Amino acid sequence: MESFVAVYVDQSAKVEAVRAAVAGLEVPVGVTQAAVVGTDTFGCRIAVDLSGDFDSSGGALIARDYAESLSGALGLPVYCLSDLLTRDYYAS
């Protein structure tokens, strides 16, 4: 069964820079695809969708680790989507 998690990149990022950084990172074990998607959610304009054959119960850990790696590559904040969903967020 295919599982899915996502990370969201700070709004100051450019999609070309995110695509280049994603291309340079190894995908986590069990992840078969890392797709960069333009969006506008939680103050972030770019998401990276991670999908593959991994245990969904470990999805948040996979996303957090990937977010940390991508943040290091970009020099910008990157967030695990499930963390954004559970924090108090003031919708503008």
Protein backbone atom coordinates (compact mmCIF):
# COMPACT_ATOMS: atom_id res chain seq x y z
CA MET A 1 0.00 0.00 0.00
CA GLU A 2 1.36 3.40 -0.93
CA SER A 3 1.87 5.93 1.86
CA PHE A 4 2.18 9.70 1.61
CA VAL A 5 3.66 12.51 3.70
CA ALA A 6 4.57 16.08 2.85
CA VAL A 7 6.89 18.87 3.89
CA TYR A 8 6.21 22.55 3.32
CA VAL A 9 8.92 25.09 2.46
CA ASP A 10 9.06 28.66 3.80
CA GLN A 11 7.35 31.17 1.53
CA SER A 12 10.60 32.95 0.69
CA ALA A 13 11.82 29.94 -1.31
CA LYS A 14 11.84 29.87 -5.09
CA VAL A 15 10.43 26.75 -6.72
CA GLU A 16 13.53 26.32 -8.91
CA ALA A 17 15.78 26.29 -5.84
CA VAL A 18 13.55 23.73 -4.12
CA ARG A 19 13.55 21.48 -7.20
CA ALA A 20 17.35 21.66 -7.38
CA ALA A 21 17.72 20.89 -3.67
CA VAL A 22 15.27 17.97 -3.85
CA ALA A 23 17.16 16.57 -6.85
CA GLY A 24 20.36 16.66 -4.80
CA LEU A 25 18.95 14.87 -1.75
CA GLU A 26 18.58 11.15 -1.27
CA VAL A 27 15.00 10.06 -0.74
CA PRO A 28 14.36 8.32 2.58
CA VAL A 29 14.14 4.54 2.75
CA GLY A 30 10.76 3.42 1.42
CA VAL A 31 10.09 6.68 -0.42
CA THR A 32 9.87 6.19 -4.18
CA GLN A 33 8.96 9.71 -5.24
CA ALA A 34 9.63 13.25 -4.03
CA ALA A 35 7.44 15.64 -6.04
CA VAL A 36 7.73 19.42 -5.76
CA VAL A 37 4.30 21.08 -5.90
CA GLY A 38 3.39 24.77 -5.94
CA THR A 39 0.80 25.54 -3.25
CA ASP A 40 -0.28 28.22 -0.81
CA THR A 41 -0.90 26.62 2.56
CA PHE A 42 0.15 27.65 6.09
CA GLY A 43 2.23 30.55 4.77
CA CYS A 44 4.20 28.21 2.51
CA ARG A 45 4.11 28.29 -1.28
CA ILE A 46 5.92 25.05 -2.05
CA ALA A 47 5.30 21.51 -0.86
CA VAL A 48 7.35 18.38 -1.40
CA ASP A 49 5.14 15.31 -1.48
CA LEU A 50 6.90 12.11 -0.43
CA SER A 51 5.20 8.88 -1.45
CA GLY A 52 6.21 5.26 -1.41
CA ASP A 53 5.95 1.91 0.26
CA PHE A 54 6.68 2.84 3.88
CA ASP A 55 4.81 2.26 7.11
CA SER A 56 2.49 5.24 7.50
CA SER A 57 2.96 5.15 11.29
CA GLY A 58 6.54 6.33 10.69
CA GLY A 59 5.53 8.96 8.16
CA ALA A 60 5.92 11.95 10.47
CA LEU A 61 9.46 10.90 11.38
CA ILE A 62 10.32 10.46 7.69
CA ALA A 63 8.90 13.91 6.93
CA ARG A 64 10.70 15.58 9.85
CA ASP A 65 14.05 14.06 8.87
CA TYR A 66 13.54 15.04 5.23
CA ALA A 67 12.48 18.56 6.26
CA GLU A 68 15.68 18.92 8.27
CA SER A 69 17.81 17.79 5.32
CA LEU A 70 15.97 20.02 2.85
CA SER A 71 16.18 22.97 5.24
CA GLY A 72 19.94 22.49 5.45
CA ALA A 73 20.23 22.39 1.66
CA LEU A 74 18.09 25.50 1.17
CA GLY A 75 19.08 27.52 4.22
CA LEU A 76 15.36 28.12 4.86
CA PRO A 77 12.78 26.66 7.23
CA VAL A 78 11.01 23.50 6.05
CA TYR A 79 8.14 21.98 8.04
CA CYS A 80 6.55 18.57 8.35
CA LEU A 81 2.91 18.95 7.26
CA SER A 82 1.53 16.95 10.18
CA ASP A 83 3.33 19.31 12.59
CA LEU A 84 1.76 22.32 10.85
CA LEU A 85 -1.67 20.74 11.15
CA THR A 86 -1.35 20.17 14.89
CA ARG A 87 0.08 23.53 15.95
CA ASP A 88 -2.01 26.55 16.77
CA TYR A 89 -2.16 28.46 13.52
CA TYR A 90 -3.67 31.88 13.14
CA ALA A 91 -5.31 31.92 9.74
CA SER A 92 -4.93 35.29 8.08
